[in-house]
Protein backbone atom coordinates (compact mmCIF):
# COMPACT_ATOMS: atom_id res chain seq x y z
CA MET A 1 8.19 4.69 -21.85
CA SER A 2 8.38 2.16 -19.02
CA THR A 3 9.12 -1.49 -19.48
CA PRO A 4 8.18 -4.21 -16.97
CA SER A 5 11.84 -4.72 -16.09
CA GLN A 6 12.23 -1.17 -14.79
CA LYS A 7 12.39 -0.76 -11.06
CA VAL A 8 11.47 1.91 -8.55
CA THR A 9 12.42 2.44 -4.94
CA VAL A 10 9.80 2.13 -2.17
CA LYS A 11 10.38 2.89 1.49
CA PHE A 12 8.25 1.03 4.04
CA ILE A 13 8.13 2.27 7.63
CA GLU A 14 7.07 -0.63 9.83
CA PRO A 15 5.04 -0.27 13.06
CA ASP A 16 8.25 -0.42 15.14
CA GLN A 17 9.59 2.47 12.98
CA LYS A 18 12.14 0.18 11.29
CA THR A 19 12.53 1.24 7.68
CA ASN A 20 12.93 -1.03 4.70
CA THR A 21 13.90 0.53 1.39
CA VAL A 22 13.38 -1.91 -1.45
CA GLN A 23 13.51 -2.11 -5.22
CA ALA A 24 10.25 -3.07 -6.92
CA GLN A 25 9.06 -3.73 -10.43
CA ILE A 26 6.89 -1.13 -12.11
CA GLY A 27 3.39 -2.61 -12.42
CA GLN A 28 3.47 -4.48 -9.08
CA SER A 29 1.02 -3.69 -6.32
CA LEU A 30 2.44 -2.38 -3.07
CA LEU A 31 1.05 -5.48 -1.32
CA ASP A 32 2.95 -7.78 -3.69
CA VAL A 33 6.13 -5.77 -3.15
CA ALA A 34 5.81 -6.07 0.63
CA ARG A 35 5.32 -9.82 0.39
CA ALA A 36 8.25 -10.26 -1.98
CA HIS A 37 10.49 -8.53 0.56
CA ASN A 38 9.09 -10.21 3.71
CA ILE A 39 7.55 -6.99 4.98
CA ASP A 40 4.61 -7.64 7.29
CA LEU A 41 1.67 -6.15 5.38
CA GLU A 42 -1.22 -8.54 5.95
CA GLY A 43 -3.53 -8.59 2.90
CA ALA A 44 -5.96 -11.19 4.28
CA CYS A 45 -8.09 -11.16 1.11
CA GLU A 46 -5.05 -11.73 -1.12
CA GLY A 47 -5.50 -8.35 -2.80
CA SER A 48 -9.08 -8.91 -3.96
CA LEU A 49 -10.35 -5.64 -2.43
CA ALA A 50 -12.44 -7.45 0.16
CA CYS A 51 -10.76 -6.27 3.39
CA SER A 52 -8.71 -3.41 4.79
CA THR A 53 -5.77 -5.35 6.23
CA CYS A 54 -3.26 -3.99 3.71
CA GLN A 55 -3.93 -0.39 4.72
CA VAL A 56 -0.89 1.87 4.55
CA TRP A 57 -0.45 5.52 5.39
CA VAL A 58 1.05 7.23 2.38
CA ASP A 59 3.52 9.99 3.17
CA PRO A 60 1.58 13.23 2.54
CA SER A 61 4.14 14.42 -0.02
CA TRP A 62 3.33 11.34 -2.13
CA TYR A 63 -0.44 11.04 -1.66
CA ASP A 64 -1.49 13.33 -4.52
CA ARG A 65 0.73 11.43 -6.95
CA LEU A 66 -1.47 8.34 -6.61
CA ASP A 67 -4.55 7.71 -8.70
CA PRO A 68 -7.65 8.56 -6.66
CA PRO A 69 -9.15 5.62 -4.76
CA ALA A 70 -12.14 3.88 -6.34
CA ASP A 71 -15.43 3.78 -4.42
CA GLU A 72 -14.79 0.13 -3.52
CA GLU A 73 -11.45 1.03 -1.94
CA GLU A 74 -13.07 3.88 0.00
CA ASP A 75 -15.69 1.41 1.30
CA MET A 76 -12.97 -0.94 2.58
CA LEU A 77 -10.99 1.92 4.11
CA GLU A 78 -14.09 2.80 6.17
CA LEU A 79 -13.46 -0.48 8.03
CA ALA A 80 -9.77 0.19 8.72
CA PHE A 81 -8.36 0.83 12.19
CA PHE A 82 -6.63 4.19 12.58
CA ARG A 83 -7.62 5.50 9.15
CA LYS A 84 -5.89 8.72 8.17
CA ASP A 85 -6.46 11.22 5.37
CA THR A 86 -3.61 9.54 3.50
CA SER A 87 -4.75 5.94 4.06
CA ARG A 88 -4.79 3.67 1.03
CA LEU A 89 -4.92 -0.07 0.46
CA GLY A 90 -1.59 -1.53 -0.60
CA CYS A 91 -3.31 -3.89 -3.02
CA GLN A 92 -4.67 -0.88 -4.92
CA ILE A 93 -1.42 1.06 -5.27
CA ILE A 94 0.18 -0.03 -8.53
CA LEU A 95 3.74 1.18 -8.92
CA THR A 96 4.61 3.48 -11.78
CA GLU A 97 7.74 5.36 -12.71
CA ALA A 98 6.18 8.47 -11.09
CA LEU A 99 6.14 6.65 -7.72
CA ASP A 100 9.91 6.11 -7.58
CA GLY A 101 10.81 6.95 -3.97
CA LEU A 102 7.31 6.35 -2.54
CA VAL A 103 7.18 6.32 1.27
CA VAL A 104 4.46 4.47 3.18
CA GLU A 105 3.94 3.57 6.82
CA ILE A 106 2.30 0.35 8.00
CA PRO A 107 -0.19 0.81 10.88
CA LYS A 108 0.30 -1.14 14.12
CA GLN A 109 -3.07 -2.91 13.91
CA THR A 110 -5.45 -4.13 11.26
CA ARG A 111 -8.99 -5.35 11.35
CA HIS A 112 -10.47 -7.97 9.07
CA LEU A 113 -14.17 -7.40 8.68
CA THR A 114 -16.24 -8.29 5.68
CA PRO A 115 -19.02 -5.77 5.05
CA ILE A 116 -22.57 -7.07 5.15
């Protein structure tokens, strides 16, 4: 059983293809991990599921290990620039022991639109 002090490894691939491999606490959102490690993942709505600026492209080998996106996340992803089949919002990916080694790429552009 996991405890909050356990850590997992996450690899971020930034738009310039620079990679950052970091240690993160189980239970943190991917957005919070990026911020804690000064990785430029926007999150304009502060993780409240009201924008798509924390979109990441999950490596295809990891995508099916994530919980399926909720309808609200799908709605926000519809607004994202350069959406891919493996797009997810970083604020909605909560790290678990099963995600140790997760690889995500940060798109070059984001768009902050609030749906009407």
